[in-house]
């Protein structure tokens, strides 16, 4: 999923007043988490990036986000959750949180199953 597609999906499903810049910042935060908490704890493969560069307004809209299909549903779920929190819509936030947590868990478990843990993963400092 690209940066633009994640933003488009959430805007289509949940009309909102949150700026594009804020959504990009949230996606950057989530992919930093993907890189540090999931990718960095495992032996890299051909698709694993060696570093993460945060996204900003100058990041090309066709930039591919880190979680690949079928686990890229974490992105619209995360944006939806953040929008609900920003709007102080706590019931909606709780529902969105459950959807994101489920999607994140599926992604992380699948990655853990398919990749070997790094020998030094327990001593890594982030």
PDB file of N, CA and C in Angstrom:
ATOM      1  N   UNK A   1       0.849  -1.169   0.000  1.00  0.00           N
ATOM      2  CA  UNK A   1       0.000   0.000   0.000  1.00  0.00           C
ATOM      3  C   UNK A   1       0.894   1.231   0.000  1.00  0.00           C
ATOM      4  N   UNK A   2       0.480   2.212  -0.765  1.00  0.00           N
ATOM      5  CA  UNK A   2       1.246   3.453  -0.814  1.00  0.00           C
ATOM      6  C   UNK A   2       0.742   4.439   0.237  1.00  0.00           C
ATOM      7  N   UNK A   3       1.553   5.438   0.463  1.00  0.00           N
ATOM      8  CA  UNK A   3       1.197   6.518   1.384  1.00  0.00           C
ATOM      9  C   UNK A   3      -0.135   7.144   0.965  1.00  0.00           C
ATOM     10  N   UNK A   4      -0.260   7.440  -0.317  1.00  0.00           N
ATOM     11  CA  UNK A   4      -1.469   8.091  -0.817  1.00  0.00           C
ATOM     12  C   UNK A   4      -2.693   7.183  -0.712  1.00  0.00           C
ATOM     13  N   UNK A   5      -2.522   5.886  -0.995  1.00  0.00           N
ATOM     14  CA  UNK A   5      -3.653   4.969  -0.943  1.00  0.00           C
ATOM     15  C   UNK A   5      -4.189   4.828   0.487  1.00  0.00           C
ATOM     16  N   UNK A   6      -3.295   4.776   1.460  1.00  0.00           N
ATOM     17  CA  UNK A   6      -3.731   4.678   2.864  1.00  0.00           C
ATOM     18  C   UNK A   6      -4.549   5.904   3.254  1.00  0.00           C
ATOM     19  N   UNK A   7      -4.077   7.073   2.857  1.00  0.00           N
ATOM     20  CA  UNK A   7      -4.788   8.310   3.178  1.00  0.00           C
ATOM     21  C   UNK A   7      -6.129   8.357   2.439  1.00  0.00           C
ATOM     22  N   UNK A   8      -6.122   7.982   1.170  1.00  0.00           N
ATOM     23  CA  UNK A   8      -7.354   7.978   0.380  1.00  0.00           C
ATOM     24  C   UNK A   8      -8.389   7.035   0.989  1.00  0.00           C
ATOM     25  N   UNK A   9      -7.954   5.835   1.358  1.00  0.00           N
ATOM     26  CA  UNK A   9      -8.883   4.859   1.924  1.00  0.00           C
ATOM     27  C   UNK A   9      -9.565   5.381   3.183  1.00  0.00           C
ATOM     28  N   UNK A  10      -8.778   5.940   4.088  1.00  0.00           N
ATOM     29  CA  UNK A  10      -9.391   6.417   5.337  1.00  0.00           C
ATOM     30  C   UNK A  10     -10.286   7.629   5.071  1.00  0.00           C
ATOM     31  N   UNK A  11      -9.901   8.487   4.147  1.00  0.00           N
ATOM     32  CA  UNK A  11     -10.732   9.654   3.841  1.00  0.00           C
ATOM     33  C   UNK A  11     -12.053   9.250   3.184  1.00  0.00           C
ATOM     34  N   UNK A  12     -12.034   8.186   2.395  1.00  0.00           N
ATOM     35  CA  UNK A  12     -13.259   7.689   1.767  1.00  0.00           C
ATOM     36  C   UNK A  12     -14.196   7.069   2.797  1.00  0.00           C
ATOM     37  N   UNK A  13     -13.626   6.320   3.736  1.00  0.00           N
ATOM     38  CA  UNK A  13     -14.431   5.602   4.717  1.00  0.00           C
ATOM     39  C   UNK A  13     -14.839   6.457   5.912  1.00  0.00           C
ATOM     40  N   UNK A  14     -14.012   7.438   6.226  1.00  0.00           N
ATOM     41  CA  UNK A  14     -14.250   8.247   7.423  1.00  0.00           C
ATOM     42  C   UNK A  14     -13.941   9.712   7.076  1.00  0.00           C
ATOM     43  N   UNK A  15     -14.901  10.417   6.486  1.00  0.00           N
ATOM     44  CA  UNK A  15     -14.660  11.834   6.183  1.00  0.00           C
ATOM     45  C   UNK A  15     -14.207  12.570   7.445  1.00  0.00           C
ATOM     46  N   UNK A  16     -13.202  13.429   7.283  1.00  0.00           N
ATOM     47  CA  UNK A  16     -12.588  14.065   8.450  1.00  0.00           C
ATOM     48  C   UNK A  16     -11.951  15.382   8.064  1.00  0.00           C
ATOM     49  N   UNK A  17     -11.546  16.127   9.068  1.00  0.00           N
ATOM     50  CA  UNK A  17     -10.913  17.422   8.868  1.00  0.00           C
ATOM     51  C   UNK A  17      -9.415  17.397   9.188  1.00  0.00           C
ATOM     52  N   UNK A  18      -8.868  16.208   9.401  1.00  0.00           N
ATOM     53  CA  UNK A  18      -7.451  16.091   9.751  1.00  0.00           C
ATOM     54  C   UNK A  18      -6.620  16.359   8.501  1.00  0.00           C
ATOM     55  N   UNK A  19      -5.566  17.129   8.661  1.00  0.00           N
ATOM     56  CA  UNK A  19      -4.736  17.500   7.513  1.00  0.00           C
ATOM     57  C   UNK A  19      -3.969  16.303   6.951  1.00  0.00           C
ATOM     58  N   UNK A  20      -3.634  16.402   5.689  1.00  0.00           N
ATOM     59  CA  UNK A  20      -2.816  15.368   5.040  1.00  0.00           C
ATOM     60  C   UNK A  20      -1.465  15.265   5.749  1.00  0.00           C
ATOM     61  N   UNK A  21      -0.911  16.401   6.133  1.00  0.00           N
ATOM     62  CA  UNK A  21       0.386  16.414   6.819  1.00  0.00           C
ATOM     63  C   UNK A  21       0.325  15.610   8.118  1.00  0.00           C
ATOM     64  N   UNK A  22      -0.753  15.754   8.869  1.00  0.00           N
ATOM     65  CA  UNK A  22      -0.902  15.003  10.118  1.00  0.00           C
ATOM     66  C   UNK A  22      -1.007  13.511   9.836  1.00  0.00           C
ATOM     67  N   UNK A  23      -1.755  13.141   8.820  1.00  0.00           N
ATOM     68  CA  UNK A  23      -1.887  11.717   8.469  1.00  0.00           C
ATOM     69  C   UNK A  23      -0.545  11.133   8.058  1.00  0.00           C
ATOM     70  N   UNK A  24       0.242  11.891   7.315  1.00  0.00           N
ATOM     71  CA  UNK A  24       1.579  11.427   6.925  1.00  0.00           C
ATOM     72  C   UNK A  24       2.440  11.239   8.165  1.00  0.00           C
ATOM     73  N   UNK A  25       2.347  12.162   9.113  1.00  0.00           N
ATOM     74  CA  UNK A  25       3.110  12.030  10.363  1.00  0.00           C
ATOM     75  C   UNK A  25       2.695  10.763  11.117  1.00  0.00           C
ATOM     76  N   UNK A  26       1.416  10.484  11.178  1.00  0.00           N
ATOM     77  CA  UNK A  26       0.942   9.266  11.844  1.00  0.00           C
ATOM     78  C   UNK A  26       1.445   8.013  11.140  1.00  0.00           C
ATOM     79  N   UNK A  27       1.398   8.014   9.795  1.00  0.00           N
ATOM     80  CA  UNK A  27       1.893   6.855   9.044  1.00  0.00           C
ATOM     81  C   UNK A  27       3.393   6.674   9.254  1.00  0.00           C
ATOM     82  N   UNK A  28       4.103   7.763   9.345  1.00  0.00           N
ATOM     83  CA  UNK A  28       5.536   7.699   9.621  1.00  0.00           C
ATOM     84  C   UNK A  28       5.785   7.077  10.993  1.00  0.00           C
ATOM     85  N   UNK A  29       5.001   7.503  11.961  1.00  0.00           N
ATOM     86  CA  UNK A  29       5.121   6.949  13.316  1.00  0.00           C
ATOM     87  C   UNK A  29       4.860   5.440  13.304  1.00  0.00           C
ATOM     88  N   UNK A  30       3.827   5.022  12.592  1.00  0.00           N
ATOM     89  CA  UNK A  30       3.500   3.597  12.540  1.00  0.00           C
ATOM     90  C   UNK A  30       4.599   2.803  11.832  1.00  0.00           C
ATOM     91  N   UNK A  31       5.108   3.297  10.713  1.00  0.00           N
ATOM     92  CA  UNK A  31       6.161   2.550  10.022  1.00  0.00           C
ATOM     93  C   UNK A  31       7.477   2.553  10.804  1.00  0.00           C
ATOM     94  N   UNK A  32       7.726   3.593  11.587  1.00  0.00           N
ATOM     95  CA  UNK A  32       8.897   3.574  12.468  1.00  0.00           C
ATOM     96  C   UNK A  32       8.738   2.431  13.475  1.00  0.00           C
ATOM     97  N   UNK A  33       7.529   2.245  13.974  1.00  0.00           N
ATOM     98  CA  UNK A  33       7.222   1.135  14.891  1.00  0.00           C
ATOM     99  C   UNK A  33       7.389  -0.214  14.201  1.00  0.00           C
ATOM    100  N   UNK A  34       6.888  -0.326  12.974  1.00  0.00           N
ATOM    101  CA  UNK A  34       7.047  -1.562  12.196  1.00  0.00           C
ATOM    102  C   UNK A  34       8.523  -1.883  12.062  1.00  0.00           C
ATOM    103  N   UNK A  35       9.307  -0.891  11.705  1.00  0.00           N
ATOM    104  CA  UNK A  35      10.741  -1.111  11.496  1.00  0.00           C
ATOM    105  C   UNK A  35      11.446  -1.495  12.799  1.00  0.00           C
ATOM    106  N   UNK A  36      11.200  -0.745  13.867  1.00  0.00           N
ATOM    107  CA  UNK A  36      11.918  -0.987  15.124  1.00  0.00           C
ATOM    108  C   UNK A  36      11.433  -2.211  15.876  1.00  0.00           C
ATOM    109  N   UNK A  37      10.128  -2.391  15.979  1.00  0.00           N
ATOM    110  CA  UNK A  37       9.589  -3.466  16.808  1.00  0.00           C
ATOM    111  C   UNK A  37       9.502  -4.805  16.099  1.00  0.00           C
ATOM    112  N   UNK A  38       9.363  -4.785  14.784  1.00  0.00           N
ATOM    113  CA  UNK A  38       9.173  -6.041  14.058  1.00  0.00           C
ATOM    114  C   UNK A  38      10.386  -6.358  13.194  1.00  0.00           C
ATOM    115  N   UNK A  39      10.695  -5.516  12.233  1.00  0.00           N
ATOM    116  CA  UNK A  39      11.781  -5.820  11.299  1.00  0.00           C
ATOM    117  C   UNK A  39      13.142  -5.939  11.980  1.00  0.00           C
ATOM    118  N   UNK A  40      13.453  -5.017  12.876  1.00  0.00           N
ATOM    119  CA  UNK A  40      14.791  -5.005  13.481  1.00  0.00           C
ATOM    120  C   UNK A  40      15.058  -6.181  14.402  1.00  0.00           C
ATOM    121  N   UNK A  41      14.023  -6.859  14.830  1.00  0.00           N
ATOM    122  CA  UNK A  41      14.191  -8.009  15.722  1.00  0.00           C
ATOM    123  C   UNK A  41      14.445  -9.307  14.958  1.00  0.00           C
ATOM    124  N   UNK A  42      14.426  -9.245  13.627  1.00  0.00           N
ATOM    125  CA  UNK A  42      14.565 -10.447  12.807  1.00  0.00           C
ATOM    126  C   UNK A  42      15.716 -10.321  11.826  1.00  0.00           C
ATOM    127  N   UNK A  43      16.185 -11.480  11.371  1.00  0.00           N
ATOM    128  CA  UNK A  43      17.186 -11.500  10.312  1.00  0.00           C
ATOM    129  C   UNK A  43      16.556 -10.875   9.067  1.00  0.00           C
ATOM    130  N   UNK A  44      17.252  -9.958   8.396  1.00  0.00           N
ATOM    131  CA  UNK A  44      16.667  -9.326   7.211  1.00  0.00           C
ATOM    132  C   UNK A  44      16.583 -10.303   6.039  1.00  0.00           C
ATOM    133  N   UNK A  45      15.622 -10.054   5.158  1.00  0.00           N
ATOM    134  CA  UNK A  45      15.548 -10.793   3.913  1.00  0.00           C
ATOM    135  C   UNK A  45      15.631  -9.774   2.775  1.00  0.00           C
ATOM    136  N   UNK A  46      15.410 -10.208   1.558  1.00  0.00           N
ATOM    137  CA  UNK A  46      15.568  -9.327   0.396  1.00  0.00           C
ATOM    138  C   UNK A  46      14.593  -8.154   0.411  1.00  0.00           C
ATOM    139  N   UNK A  47      13.451  -8.301   1.063  1.00  0.00           N
ATOM    140  CA  UNK A  47      12.449  -7.236   1.090  1.00  0.00           C
ATOM    141  C   UNK A  47      12.564  -6.324   2.308  1.00  0.00           C
ATOM    142  N   UNK A  48      13.421  -6.671   3.253  1.00  0.00           N
ATOM    143  CA  UNK A  48      13.529  -5.890   4.479  1.00  0.00           C
ATOM    144  C   UNK A  48      14.421  -4.680   4.256  1.00  0.00           C
ATOM    145  N   UNK A  49      13.914  -3.480   4.512  1.00  0.00           N
ATOM    146  CA  UNK A  49      14.774  -2.291   4.370  1.00  0.00           C
ATOM    147  C   UNK A  49      15.854  -2.284   5.447  1.00  0.00           C
ATOM    148  N   UNK A  50      16.984  -1.692   5.122  1.00  0.00           N
ATOM    149  CA  UNK A  50      18.087  -1.643   6.083  1.00  0.00           C
ATOM    150  C   UNK A  50      17.956  -0.456   7.039  1.00  0.00           C
ATOM    151  N   UNK A  51      17.120   0.490   6.686  1.00  0.00           N
ATOM    152  CA  UNK A  51      16.903   1.669   7.538  1.00  0.00           C
ATOM    153  C   UNK A  51      15.500   2.207   7.261  1.00  0.00           C
ATOM    154  N   UNK A  52      15.051   3.060   8.150  1.00  0.00           N
ATOM    155  CA  UNK A  52      13.762   3.719   7.950  1.00  0.00           C
ATOM    156  C   UNK A  52      13.979   5.218   7.910  1.00  0.00           C
ATOM    157  N   UNK A  53      13.476   5.843   6.869  1.00  0.00           N
ATOM    158  CA  UNK A  53      13.511   7.292   6.740  1.00  0.00           C
ATOM    159  C   UNK A  53      12.100   7.815   6.979  1.00  0.00           C
ATOM    160  N   UNK A  54      11.924   8.641   8.006  1.00  0.00           N
ATOM    161  CA  UNK A  54      10.571   9.141   8.313  1.00  0.00           C
ATOM    162  C   UNK A  54       9.940   9.850   7.109  1.00  0.00           C
ATOM    163  N   UNK A  55       8.628   9.759   7.045  1.00  0.00           N
ATOM    164  CA  UNK A  55       7.879  10.410   5.978  1.00  0.00           C
ATOM    165  C   UNK A  55       7.559  11.848   6.387  1.00  0.00           C
ATOM    166  N   UNK A  56       7.445  12.700   5.382  1.00  0.00           N
ATOM    167  CA  UNK A  56       7.006  14.075   5.600  1.00  0.00           C
ATOM    168  C   UNK A  56       6.235  14.523   4.367  1.00  0.00           C
ATOM    169  N   UNK A  57       5.857  15.777   4.313  1.00  0.00           N
ATOM    170  CA  UNK A  57       5.050  16.263   3.190  1.00  0.00           C
ATOM    171  C   UNK A  57       5.776  16.168   1.855  1.00  0.00           C
ATOM    172  N   UNK A  58       7.098  16.083   1.886  1.00  0.00           N
ATOM    173  CA  UNK A  58       7.865  15.976   0.645  1.00  0.00           C
ATOM    174  C   UNK A  58       8.041  14.527   0.183  1.00  0.00           C
ATOM    175  N   UNK A  59       7.611  13.584   1.004  1.00  0.00           N
ATOM    176  CA  UNK A  59       7.713  12.172   0.624  1.00  0.00           C
ATOM    177  C   UNK A  59       6.772  11.923  -0.551  1.00  0.00           C
ATOM    178  N   UNK A  60       7.270  11.271  -1.617  1.00  0.00           N
ATOM    179  CA  UNK A  60       6.401  11.010  -2.775  1.00  0.00           C
ATOM    180  C   UNK A  60       5.158  10.206  -2.371  1.00  0.00           C
ATOM    181  N   UNK A  61       4.002  10.563  -2.897  1.00  0.00           N
ATOM    182  CA  UNK A  61       2.757   9.878  -2.529  1.00  0.00           C
ATOM    183  C   UNK A  61       2.742   8.402  -2.905  1.00  0.00           C
ATOM    184  N   UNK A  62       3.573   7.996  -3.875  1.00  0.00           N
ATOM    185  CA  UNK A  62       3.602   6.593  -4.283  1.00  0.00           C
ATOM    186  C   UNK A  62       4.604   5.763  -3.475  1.00  0.00           C
ATOM    187  N   UNK A  63       5.100   6.319  -2.374  1.00  0.00           N
ATOM    188  CA  UNK A  63       6.015   5.592  -1.496  1.00  0.00           C
ATOM    189  C   UNK A  63       5.285   4.395  -0.893  1.00  0.00           C
ATOM    190  N   UNK A  64       5.900   3.228  -1.025  1.00  0.00           N
ATOM    191  CA  UNK A  64       5.315   2.006  -0.464  1.00  0.00           C
ATOM    192  C   UNK A  64       5.534   1.969   1.038  1.00  0.00           C
ATOM    193  N   UNK A  65       4.475   1.703   1.776  1.00  0.00           N
ATOM    194  CA  UNK A  65       4.578   1.550   3.223  1.00  0.00           C
ATOM    195  C   UNK A  65       5.169   0.175   3.526  1.00  0.00           C
ATOM    196  N   UNK A  66       5.666  -0.033   4.732  1.00  0.00           N
ATOM    197  CA  UNK A  66       6.472  -1.207   5.045  1.00  0.00           C
ATOM    198  C   UNK A  66       5.715  -2.525   5.147  1.00  0.00           C
ATOM    199  N   UNK A  67       4.524  -2.527   5.705  1.00  0.00           N
ATOM    200  CA  UNK A  67       3.764  -3.769   5.855  1.00  0.00           C
ATOM    201  C   UNK A  67       3.128  -4.134   4.510  1.00  0.00           C
ATOM    202  N   UNK A  68       3.452  -5.324   4.046  1.00  0.00           N
ATOM    203  CA  UNK A  68       2.966  -5.756   2.739  1.00  0.00           C
ATOM    204  C   UNK A  68       1.614  -6.454   2.852  1.00  0.00           C
ATOM    205  N   UNK A  69       0.865  -6.496   1.732  1.00  0.00           N
ATOM    206  CA  UNK A  69      -0.388  -7.244   1.732  1.00  0.00           C
ATOM    207  C   UNK A  69      -0.130  -8.699   2.113  1.00  0.00           C
ATOM    208  N   UNK A  70      -1.012  -9.319   2.787  1.00  0.00           N
ATOM    209  CA  UNK A  70      -2.366  -8.891   3.147  1.00  0.00           C
ATOM    210  C   UNK A  70      -2.425  -8.151   4.476  1.00  0.00           C
ATOM    211  N   UNK A  71      -1.288  -7.723   5.007  1.00  0.00           N
ATOM    212  CA  UNK A  71      -1.250  -7.108   6.334  1.00  0.00           C
ATOM    213  C   UNK A  71      -1.218  -5.581   6.292  1.00  0.00           C
ATOM    214  N   UNK A  72      -1.386  -5.009   5.124  1.00  0.00           N
ATOM    215  CA  UNK A  72      -1.360  -3.554   4.999  1.00  0.00           C
ATOM    216  C   UNK A  72      -2.644  -2.885   5.482  1.00  0.00           C
ATOM    217  N   UNK A  73      -3.583  -3.680   5.973  1.00  0.00           N
ATOM    218  CA  UNK A  73      -4.794  -3.090   6.548  1.00  0.00           C
ATOM    219  C   UNK A  73      -4.508  -2.385   7.879  1.00  0.00           C
ATOM    220  N   UNK A  74      -3.280  -2.534   8.386  1.00  0.00           N
ATOM    221  CA  UNK A  74      -2.927  -1.795   9.600  1.00  0.00           C
ATOM    222  C   UNK A  74      -2.962  -0.281   9.368  1.00  0.00           C
ATOM    223  N   UNK A  75      -2.700   0.157   8.135  1.00  0.00           N
ATOM    224  CA  UNK A  75      -2.592   1.597   7.878  1.00  0.00           C
ATOM    225  C   UNK A  75      -3.926   2.338   7.955  1.00  0.00           C
ATOM    226  N   UNK A  76      -4.953   1.937   7.198  1.00  0.00           N
ATOM    227  CA  UNK A  76      -6.227   2.650   7.370  1.00  0.00           C
ATOM    228  C   UNK A  76      -6.810   2.468   8.772  1.00  0.00           C
ATOM    229  N   UNK A  77      -6.584   1.295   9.384  1.00  0.00           N
ATOM    230  CA  UNK A  77      -7.080   1.082  10.754  1.00  0.00           C
ATOM    231  C   UNK A  77      -6.404   2.040  11.729  1.00  0.00           C
ATOM    232  N   UNK A  78      -5.098   2.238  11.571  1.00  0.00           N
ATOM    233  CA  UNK A  78      -4.362   3.142  12.456  1.00  0.00           C
ATOM    234  C   UNK A  78      -4.812   4.593  12.251  1.00  0.00           C
ATOM    235  N   UNK A  79      -4.947   4.996  10.976  1.00  0.00           N
ATOM    236  CA  UNK A  79      -5.399   6.360  10.705  1.00  0.00           C
ATOM    237  C   UNK A  79      -6.800   6.595  11.257  1.00  0.00           C
ATOM    238  N   UNK A  80      -7.678   5.630  11.082  1.00  0.00           N
ATOM    239  CA  UNK A  80      -9.039   5.745  11.597  1.00  0.00           C
ATOM    240  C   UNK A  80      -9.031   5.912  13.116  1.00  0.00           C
ATOM    241  N   UNK A  81      -8.210   5.112  13.778  1.00  0.00           N
ATOM    242  CA  UNK A  81      -8.096   5.183  15.236  1.00  0.00           C
ATOM    243  C   UNK A  81      -7.599   6.567  15.673  1.00  0.00           C
ATOM    244  N   UNK A  82      -6.590   7.064  14.995  1.00  0.00           N
ATOM    245  CA  UNK A  82      -6.026   8.372  15.352  1.00  0.00           C
ATOM    246  C   UNK A  82      -7.038   9.499  15.111  1.00  0.00           C
ATOM    247  N   UNK A  83      -7.789   9.399  14.029  1.00  0.00           N
ATOM    248  CA  UNK A  83      -8.814  10.417  13.746  1.00  0.00           C
ATOM    249  C   UNK A  83      -9.863  10.420  14.851  1.00  0.00           C
ATOM    250  N   UNK A  84     -10.321   9.238  15.242  1.00  0.00           N
ATOM    251  CA  UNK A  84     -11.329   9.156  16.310  1.00  0.00           C
ATOM    252  C   UNK A  84     -10.800   9.743  17.612  1.00  0.00           C
ATOM    253  N   UNK A  85      -9.554   9.464  17.933  1.00  0.00           N
ATOM    254  CA  UNK A  85      -8.964  10.013  19.150  1.00  0.00           C
ATOM    255  C   UNK A  85      -8.865  11.538  19.061  1.00  0.00           C
ATOM    256  N   UNK A  86      -8.432  12.026  17.933  1.00  0.00           N
ATOM    257  CA  UNK A  86      -8.310  13.472  17.734  1.00  0.00           C
ATOM    258  C   UNK A  86      -9.665  14.169  17.871  1.00  0.00           C
ATOM    259  N   UNK A  87     -10.695  13.512  17.375  1.00  0.00           N
ATOM    260  CA  UNK A  87     -12.047  14.085  17.438  1.00  0.00           C
ATOM    261  C   UNK A  87     -12.743  13.842  18.776  1.00  0.00           C
ATOM    262  N   UNK A  88     -12.030  13.229  19.699  1.00  0.00           N
ATOM    263  CA  UNK A  88     -12.569  12.917  21.025  1.00  0.00           C
ATOM    264  C   UNK A  88     -13.828  12.049  20.947  1.00  0.00           C
ATOM    265  N   UNK A  89     -13.871  11.197  19.949  1.00  0.00           N
ATOM    266  CA  UNK A  89     -14.984  10.262  19.777  1.00  0.00           C
ATOM    267  C   UNK A  89     -14.551   8.922  20.375  1.00  0.00           C
ATOM    268  N   UNK A  90     -14.674   8.826  21.681  1.00  0.00           N
ATOM    269  CA  UNK A  90     -14.066   7.719  22.404  1.00  0.00           C
ATOM    270  C   UNK A  90     -14.712   6.363  22.121  1.00  0.00           C
ATOM    271  N   UNK A  91     -16.009   6.307  21.894  1.00  0.00           N
ATOM    272  CA  UNK A  91     -16.628   5.022  21.549  1.00  0.00           C
ATOM    273  C   UNK A  91     -16.107   4.534  20.200  1.00  0.00           C
ATOM    274  N   UNK A  92     -16.054   5.442  19.232  1.00  0.00           N
ATOM    275  CA  UNK A  92     -15.509   5.084  17.922  1.00  0.00           C
ATOM    276  C   UNK A  92     -14.024   4.726  18.051  1.00  0.00           C
ATOM    277  N   UNK A  93     -13.306   5.494  18.880  1.00  0.00           N
ATOM    278  CA  UNK A  93     -11.880   5.216  19.093  1.00  0.00           C
ATOM    279  C   UNK A  93     -11.684   3.802  19.638  1.00  0.00           C
ATOM    280  N   UNK A  94     -12.480   3.413  20.620  1.00  0.00           N
ATOM    281  CA  UNK A  94     -12.335   2.070  21.191  1.00  0.00           C
ATOM    282  C   UNK A  94     -12.559   0.989  20.140  1.00  0.00           C
ATOM    283  N   UNK A  95     -13.557   1.186  19.272  1.00  0.00           N
ATOM    284  CA  UNK A  95     -13.791   0.226  18.196  1.00  0.00           C
ATOM    285  C   UNK A  95     -12.631   0.213  17.202  1.00  0.00           C
ATOM    286  N   UNK A  96     -12.159   1.386  16.833  1.00  0.00           N
ATOM    287  CA  UNK A  96     -11.031   1.479  15.904  1.00  0.00           C
ATOM    288  C   UNK A  96      -9.769   0.884  16.511  1.00  0.00           C
ATOM    289  N   UNK A  97      -9.590   1.093  17.805  1.00  0.00           N
ATOM    290  CA  UNK A  97      -8.439   0.524  18.512  1.00  0.00           C
ATOM    291  C   UNK A  97      -8.462  -0.999  18.438  1.00  0.00           C
ATOM    292  N   UNK A  98      -9.634  -1.587  18.635  1.00  0.00           N
ATOM    293  CA  UNK A  98      -9.757  -3.044  18.539  1.00  0.00           C
ATOM    294  C   UNK A  98      -9.414  -3.537  17.137  1.00  0.00           C
ATOM    295  N   UNK A  99      -9.890  -2.832  16.116  1.00  0.00           N
ATOM    296  CA  UNK A  99      -9.587  -3.227  14.740  1.00  0.00           C
ATOM    297  C   UNK A  99      -8.096  -3.104  14.451  1.00  0.00           C
ATOM    298  N   UNK A 100      -7.494  -1.998  14.893  1.00  0.00           N
ATOM    299  CA  UNK A 100      -6.057  -1.830  14.670  1.00  0.00           C
ATOM    300  C   UNK A 100      -5.249  -2.880  15.430  1.00  0.00           C
ATOM    301  N   UNK A 101      -5.584  -3.105  16.682  1.00  0.00           N
ATOM    302  CA  UNK A 101      -4.856  -4.075  17.497  1.00  0.00           C
ATOM    303  C   UNK A 101      -4.916  -5.466  16.871  1.00  0.00           C
ATOM    304  N   UNK A 102      -6.068  -5.832  16.351  1.00  0.00           N
ATOM    305  CA  UNK A 102      -6.217  -7.120  15.684  1.00  0.00           C
ATOM    306  C   UNK A 102      -5.343  -7.181  14.431  1.00  0.00           C
ATOM    307  N   UNK A 103      -5.400  -6.144  13.617  1.00  0.00           N
ATOM    308  CA  UNK A 103      -4.605  -6.108  12.384  1.00  0.00           C
ATOM    309  C   UNK A 103      -3.110  -6.121  12.699  1.00  0.00           C
ATOM    310  N   UNK A 104      -2.694  -5.337  13.710  1.00  0.00           N
ATOM    311  CA  UNK A 104      -1.284  -5.305  14.105  1.00  0.00           C
ATOM    312  C   UNK A 104      -0.832  -6.687  14.578  1.00  0.00           C
ATOM    313  N   UNK A 105      -1.635  -7.332  15.396  1.00  0.00           N
ATOM    314  CA  UNK A 105      -1.291  -8.656  15.902  1.00  0.00           C
ATOM    315  C   UNK A 105      -1.140  -9.664  14.779  1.00  0.00           C
ATOM    316  N   UNK A 106      -2.045  -9.636  13.811  1.00  0.00           N
ATOM    317  CA  UNK A 106      -1.945 -10.554  12.676  1.00  0.00           C
ATOM    318  C   UNK A 106      -0.665 -10.307  11.887  1.00  0.00           C
ATOM    319  N   UNK A 107      -0.354  -9.043  11.653  1.00  0.00           N
ATOM    320  CA  UNK A 107       0.873  -8.689  10.928  1.00  0.00           C
ATOM    321  C   UNK A 107       2.112  -9.159  11.686  1.00  0.00           C
ATOM    322  N   UNK A 108       2.205  -8.811  12.958  1.00  0.00           N
ATOM    323  CA  UNK A 108       3.396  -9.146  13.744  1.00  0.00           C
ATOM    324  C   UNK A 108       3.571 -10.656  13.886  1.00  0.00           C
ATOM    325  N   UNK A 109       2.490 -11.373  14.148  1.00  0.00           N
ATOM    326  CA  UNK A 109       2.576 -12.836  14.279  1.00  0.00           C
ATOM    327  C   UNK A 109       3.020 -13.485  12.973  1.00  0.00           C
ATOM    328  N   UNK A 110       2.479 -13.030  11.856  1.00  0.00           N
ATOM    329  CA  UNK A 110       2.871 -13.596  10.560  1.00  0.00           C
ATOM    330  C   UNK A 110       4.344 -13.321  10.289  1.00  0.00           C
ATOM    331  N   UNK A 111       4.801 -12.112  10.594  1.00  0.00           N
ATOM    332  CA  UNK A 111       6.210 -11.786  10.355  1.00  0.00           C
ATOM    333  C   UNK A 111       7.107 -12.638  11.252  1.00  0.00           C
ATOM    334  N   UNK A 112       6.717 -12.806  12.500  1.00  0.00           N
ATOM    335  CA  UNK A 112       7.504 -13.630  13.427  1.00  0.00           C
ATOM    336  C   UNK A 112       7.567 -15.077  12.952  1.00  0.00           C
ATOM    337  N   UNK A 113       6.473 -15.593  12.414  1.00  0.00           N
ATOM    338  CA  UNK A 113       6.451 -16.974  11.919  1.00  0.00           C
ATOM    339  C   UNK A 113       7.364 -17.161  10.716  1.00  0.00           C
ATOM    340  N   UNK A 114       7.435 -16.146   9.861  1.00  0.00           N
ATOM    341  CA  UNK A 114       8.123 -16.275   8.577  1.00  0.00           C
ATOM    342  C   UNK A 114       9.577 -15.836   8.597  1.00  0.00           C
ATOM    343  N   UNK A 115      10.048 -15.265   9.695  1.00  0.00           N
ATOM    344  CA  UNK A 115      11.417 -14.737   9.756  1.00  0.00           C
ATOM    345  C   UNK A 115      12.100 -15.189  11.039  1.00  0.00           C
ATOM    346  N   UNK A 116      13.379 -15.452  10.924  1.00  0.00           N
ATOM    347  CA  UNK A 116      14.167 -15.856  12.090  1.00  0.00           C
ATOM    348  C   UNK A 116      14.502 -14.642  12.943  1.00  0.00           C
ATOM    349  N   UNK A 117      14.428 -14.825  14.252  1.00  0.00           N
ATOM    350  CA  UNK A 117      14.844 -13.763  15.161  1.00  0.00           C
ATOM    351  C   UNK A 117      16.357 -13.567  15.056  1.00  0.00           C
ATOM    352  N   UNK A 118      16.792 -12.340  15.197  1.00  0.00           N
ATOM    353  CA  UNK A 118      18.226 -12.045  15.224  1.00  0.00           C
ATOM    354  C   UNK A 118      18.806 -12.603  16.508  1.00  0.00           C
ATOM    355  N   UNK A 119      20.017 -13.074  16.436  1.00  0.00           N
ATOM    356  CA  UNK A 119      20.686 -13.593  17.626  1.00  0.00           C
ATOM    357  C   UNK A 119      20.874 -12.497  18.672  1.00  0.00           C
ATOM    358  N   UNK A 120      21.095 -11.271  18.219  1.00  0.00           N
ATOM    359  CA  UNK A 120      21.337 -10.170  19.145  1.00  0.00           C
ATOM    360  C   UNK A 120      20.064  -9.348  19.419  1.00  0.00           C
ATOM    361  N   UNK A 121      18.898  -9.857  19.059  1.00  0.00           N
ATOM    362  CA  UNK A 121      17.662  -9.089  19.174  1.00  0.00           C
ATOM    363  C   UNK A 121      17.365  -8.656  20.598  1.00  0.00           C
ATOM    364  N   UNK A 122      17.721  -9.466  21.573  1.00  0.00           N
ATOM    365  CA  UNK A 122      17.420  -9.110  22.965  1.00  0.00           C
ATOM    366  C   UNK A 122      18.275  -7.970  23.486  1.00  0.00           C
ATOM    367  N   UNK A 123      19.415  -7.720  22.843  1.00  0.00           N
ATOM    368  CA  UNK A 123      20.308  -6.673  23.322  1.00  0.00           C
ATOM    369  C   UNK A 123      20.238  -5.405  22.476  1.00  0.00           C
ATOM    370  N   UNK A 124      19.387  -5.373  21.452  1.00  0.00           N
ATOM    371  CA  UNK A 124      19.281  -4.194  20.624  1.00  0.00           C
ATOM    372  C   UNK A 124      18.733  -3.027  21.418  1.00  0.00           C
ATOM    373  N   UNK A 125      19.283  -1.866  21.206  1.00  0.00           N
ATOM    374  CA  UNK A 125      18.813  -0.639  21.842  1.00  0.00           C
ATOM    375  C   UNK A 125      18.164   0.233  20.772  1.00  0.00           C
ATOM    376  N   UNK A 126      16.942   0.679  21.051  1.00  0.00           N
ATOM    377  CA  UNK A 126      16.254   1.536  20.089  1.00  0.00           C
ATOM    378  C   UNK A 126      16.223   2.906  20.628  1.00  0.00           C
TER     379      UNK A 126
END
